[in-house]
Amino acid sequence: QWKDGDNDGMRKKGTIGERMRNSLGYLVMGAASKFVASTTTYPLQVIKARLQQRSQVVELSEAGEIVVTKREYSGVLDCVGKISRNEGFGGFFKGCLTNAIRVAPSAAITFVTYEFVLDVLTEDE
């Protein structure tokens, strides 16, 4: 049985198992799109987070000593310059992979759920 009673480019309705197999593409595309989007915008997140940080940070050195580090940025360009100078290009992507792994599954599930609900709601049209 064809959706809308027409087989001109319309997808065929199937069992739940077939629908779940077809959802794999949606799952992959949802995760991939979120991965690309979060990686692309991640440098802006790093800059924003650095500007919002407290000006003094207490850290533990490798020798086991407590060190107070002063971080001050006078603005966005100063922040970009200091990150670039002190940490290199990779400084803008610190934690990017971890963030992508965190956000991609939820985007994939949201994408599949949206497509499934849309499919169910438009089933009888």
C-alpha atoms as a PDB file:
ATOM      1  CA  GLN A   1       0.000   0.000   0.000  1.00  0.00           C
ATOM      2  CA  TRP A   2       1.423   3.348  -1.076  1.00  0.00           C
ATOM      3  CA  LYS A   3       1.196   6.546   0.891  1.00  0.00           C
ATOM      4  CA  ASP A   4      -1.527   8.794  -0.547  1.00  0.00           C
ATOM      5  CA  GLY A   5      -2.495   5.914  -2.852  1.00  0.00           C
ATOM      6  CA  ASP A   6       0.105   7.045  -5.364  1.00  0.00           C
ATOM      7  CA  ASN A   7       3.436   5.469  -6.221  1.00  0.00           C
ATOM      8  CA  ASP A   8       4.933   8.473  -8.037  1.00  0.00           C
ATOM      9  CA  GLY A   9       7.924   9.136  -5.789  1.00  0.00           C
ATOM     10  CA  MET A  10       6.019   8.566  -2.555  1.00  0.00           C
ATOM     11  CA  ARG A  11       7.544   6.284   0.058  1.00  0.00           C
ATOM     12  CA  LYS A  12       5.931   2.961   0.777  1.00  0.00           C
ATOM     13  CA  LYS A  13       4.459   2.398   4.249  1.00  0.00           C
ATOM     14  CA  GLY A  14       5.847  -0.605   6.042  1.00  0.00           C
ATOM     15  CA  THR A  15       6.044  -2.364   9.331  1.00  0.00           C
ATOM     16  CA  ILE A  16       7.496  -0.808  12.469  1.00  0.00           C
ATOM     17  CA  GLY A  17      10.756  -2.707  11.843  1.00  0.00           C
ATOM     18  CA  GLU A  18      11.044  -1.273   8.341  1.00  0.00           C
ATOM     19  CA  ARG A  19      10.325   2.222   9.651  1.00  0.00           C
ATOM     20  CA  MET A  20      13.023   1.841  12.299  1.00  0.00           C
ATOM     21  CA  ARG A  21      15.564   0.740   9.680  1.00  0.00           C
ATOM     22  CA  ASN A  22      14.605   3.740   7.558  1.00  0.00           C
ATOM     23  CA  SER A  23      15.082   5.970  10.618  1.00  0.00           C
ATOM     24  CA  LEU A  24      18.786   5.110  10.734  1.00  0.00           C
ATOM     25  CA  GLY A  25      19.436   7.648   7.965  1.00  0.00           C
ATOM     26  CA  TYR A  26      17.593  10.332   9.921  1.00  0.00           C
ATOM     27  CA  LEU A  27      19.556   9.409  13.040  1.00  0.00           C
ATOM     28  CA  VAL A  28      22.903   9.707  11.253  1.00  0.00           C
ATOM     29  CA  MET A  29      21.988  12.963   9.526  1.00  0.00           C
ATOM     30  CA  GLY A  30      20.726  14.509  12.763  1.00  0.00           C
ATOM     31  CA  ALA A  31      23.937  13.631  14.581  1.00  0.00           C
ATOM     32  CA  ALA A  32      26.155  14.718  11.685  1.00  0.00           C
ATOM     33  CA  SER A  33      24.423  18.066  11.272  1.00  0.00           C
ATOM     34  CA  LYS A  34      24.733  18.856  14.980  1.00  0.00           C
ATOM     35  CA  PHE A  35      28.380  17.763  14.973  1.00  0.00           C
ATOM     36  CA  VAL A  36      29.169  20.136  12.092  1.00  0.00           C
ATOM     37  CA  ALA A  37      27.155  22.995  13.606  1.00  0.00           C
ATOM     38  CA  SER A  38      28.687  22.693  17.066  1.00  0.00           C
ATOM     39  CA  THR A  39      32.230  22.378  15.665  1.00  0.00           C
ATOM     40  CA  THR A  40      31.739  25.419  13.443  1.00  0.00           C
ATOM     41  CA  THR A  41      30.485  27.648  16.251  1.00  0.00           C
ATOM     42  CA  TYR A  42      32.736  26.260  19.003  1.00  0.00           C
ATOM     43  CA  PRO A  43      35.423  28.987  18.816  1.00  0.00           C
ATOM     44  CA  LEU A  44      32.723  31.554  19.639  1.00  0.00           C
ATOM     45  CA  GLN A  45      31.694  29.471  22.656  1.00  0.00           C
ATOM     46  CA  VAL A  46      35.305  29.385  23.862  1.00  0.00           C
ATOM     47  CA  ILE A  47      35.650  33.157  23.551  1.00  0.00           C
ATOM     48  CA  LYS A  48      32.334  33.710  25.348  1.00  0.00           C
ATOM     49  CA  ALA A  49      33.290  31.354  28.170  1.00  0.00           C
ATOM     50  CA  ARG A  50      36.707  32.982  28.605  1.00  0.00           C
ATOM     51  CA  LEU A  51      35.159  36.437  28.789  1.00  0.00           C
ATOM     52  CA  GLN A  52      32.684  35.231  31.428  1.00  0.00           C
ATOM     53  CA  GLN A  53      35.305  33.553  33.617  1.00  0.00           C
ATOM     54  CA  ARG A  54      36.371  35.044  36.897  1.00  0.00           C
ATOM     55  CA  SER A  55      39.478  37.179  36.676  1.00  0.00           C
ATOM     56  CA  GLN A  56      41.390  34.987  39.153  1.00  0.00           C
ATOM     57  CA  VAL A  57      41.510  31.212  38.930  1.00  0.00           C
ATOM     58  CA  VAL A  58      43.009  28.870  41.525  1.00  0.00           C
ATOM     59  CA  GLU A  59      44.720  25.871  39.938  1.00  0.00           C
ATOM     60  CA  LEU A  60      46.856  22.980  41.113  1.00  0.00           C
ATOM     61  CA  SER A  61      50.253  22.813  39.403  1.00  0.00           C
ATOM     62  CA  GLU A  62      51.978  19.598  38.320  1.00  0.00           C
ATOM     63  CA  ALA A  63      54.288  19.951  41.333  1.00  0.00           C
ATOM     64  CA  GLY A  64      51.244  19.940  43.626  1.00  0.00           C
ATOM     65  CA  GLU A  65      51.396  23.634  44.474  1.00  0.00           C
ATOM     66  CA  ILE A  66      48.371  25.916  44.510  1.00  0.00           C
ATOM     67  CA  VAL A  67      48.764  28.629  41.894  1.00  0.00           C
ATOM     68  CA  VAL A  68      46.548  31.696  41.459  1.00  0.00           C
ATOM     69  CA  THR A  69      46.347  32.622  37.792  1.00  0.00           C
ATOM     70  CA  LYS A  70      45.073  36.028  36.755  1.00  0.00           C
ATOM     71  CA  ARG A  71      43.080  36.041  33.553  1.00  0.00           C
ATOM     72  CA  GLU A  72      42.015  39.354  32.183  1.00  0.00           C
ATOM     73  CA  TYR A  73      40.674  40.180  28.782  1.00  0.00           C
ATOM     74  CA  SER A  74      39.850  43.741  27.834  1.00  0.00           C
ATOM     75  CA  GLY A  75      37.464  42.623  25.084  1.00  0.00           C
ATOM     76  CA  VAL A  76      36.771  40.139  22.337  1.00  0.00           C
ATOM     77  CA  LEU A  77      39.781  41.035  20.192  1.00  0.00           C
ATOM     78  CA  ASP A  78      42.099  40.905  23.198  1.00  0.00           C
ATOM     79  CA  CYS A  79      40.699  37.479  24.084  1.00  0.00           C
ATOM     80  CA  VAL A  80      41.168  36.199  20.521  1.00  0.00           C
ATOM     81  CA  GLY A  81      44.713  37.552  20.426  1.00  0.00           C
ATOM     82  CA  LYS A  82      45.722  36.021  23.770  1.00  0.00           C
ATOM     83  CA  ILE A  83      44.221  32.625  22.959  1.00  0.00           C
ATOM     84  CA  SER A  84      45.914  32.635  19.561  1.00  0.00           C
ATOM     85  CA  ARG A  85      49.269  33.781  20.937  1.00  0.00           C
ATOM     86  CA  ASN A  86      49.367  31.576  24.053  1.00  0.00           C
ATOM     87  CA  GLU A  87      47.579  28.422  22.900  1.00  0.00           C
ATOM     88  CA  GLY A  88      47.643  28.518  19.124  1.00  0.00           C
ATOM     89  CA  PHE A  89      44.765  27.668  16.788  1.00  0.00           C
ATOM     90  CA  GLY A  90      43.917  24.571  18.846  1.00  0.00           C
ATOM     91  CA  GLY A  91      43.071  26.786  21.818  1.00  0.00           C
ATOM     92  CA  PHE A  92      39.823  27.753  20.114  1.00  0.00           C
ATOM     93  CA  PHE A  93      38.795  24.089  19.958  1.00  0.00           C
ATOM     94  CA  LYS A  94      39.674  22.878  23.468  1.00  0.00           C
ATOM     95  CA  GLY A  95      36.877  20.526  24.512  1.00  0.00           C
ATOM     96  CA  CYS A  96      35.225  20.582  21.083  1.00  0.00           C
ATOM     97  CA  LEU A  97      35.135  16.812  20.613  1.00  0.00           C
ATOM     98  CA  THR A  98      33.698  16.257  24.078  1.00  0.00           C
ATOM     99  CA  ASN A  99      31.024  18.866  23.399  1.00  0.00           C
ATOM    100  CA  ALA A 100      30.152  17.305  20.030  1.00  0.00           C
ATOM    101  CA  ILE A 101      29.824  13.854  21.602  1.00  0.00           C
ATOM    102  CA  ARG A 102      27.537  15.383  24.238  1.00  0.00           C
ATOM    103  CA  VAL A 103      25.171  17.243  21.875  1.00  0.00           C
ATOM    104  CA  ALA A 104      25.025  14.954  18.802  1.00  0.00           C
ATOM    105  CA  PRO A 105      22.922  12.130  20.314  1.00  0.00           C
ATOM    106  CA  SER A 106      20.173  14.463  21.519  1.00  0.00           C
ATOM    107  CA  ALA A 107      19.999  16.153  18.108  1.00  0.00           C
ATOM    108  CA  ALA A 108      19.809  12.753  16.393  1.00  0.00           C
ATOM    109  CA  ILE A 109      16.980  11.598  18.647  1.00  0.00           C
ATOM    110  CA  THR A 110      15.113  14.879  18.175  1.00  0.00           C
ATOM    111  CA  PHE A 111      15.441  14.583  14.388  1.00  0.00           C
ATOM    112  CA  VAL A 112      14.165  10.985  14.303  1.00  0.00           C
ATOM    113  CA  THR A 113      11.310  11.790  16.679  1.00  0.00           C
ATOM    114  CA  TYR A 114      10.253  14.759  14.556  1.00  0.00           C
ATOM    115  CA  GLU A 115      10.247  12.655  11.377  1.00  0.00           C
ATOM    116  CA  PHE A 116       8.354   9.822  13.073  1.00  0.00           C
ATOM    117  CA  VAL A 117       5.663  12.144  14.479  1.00  0.00           C
ATOM    118  CA  LEU A 118       5.363  13.904  11.125  1.00  0.00           C
ATOM    119  CA  ASP A 119       4.980  10.507   9.438  1.00  0.00           C
ATOM    120  CA  VAL A 120       2.286   9.421  11.895  1.00  0.00           C
ATOM    121  CA  LEU A 121       0.348  12.688  11.660  1.00  0.00           C
ATOM    122  CA  THR A 122       0.357  12.755   7.856  1.00  0.00           C
ATOM    123  CA  GLU A 123      -0.354   9.031   7.461  1.00  0.00           C
ATOM    124  CA  ASP A 124      -4.040   9.349   6.517  1.00  0.00           C
ATOM    125  CA  GLU A 125      -3.790  12.367   4.234  1.00  0.00           C
END
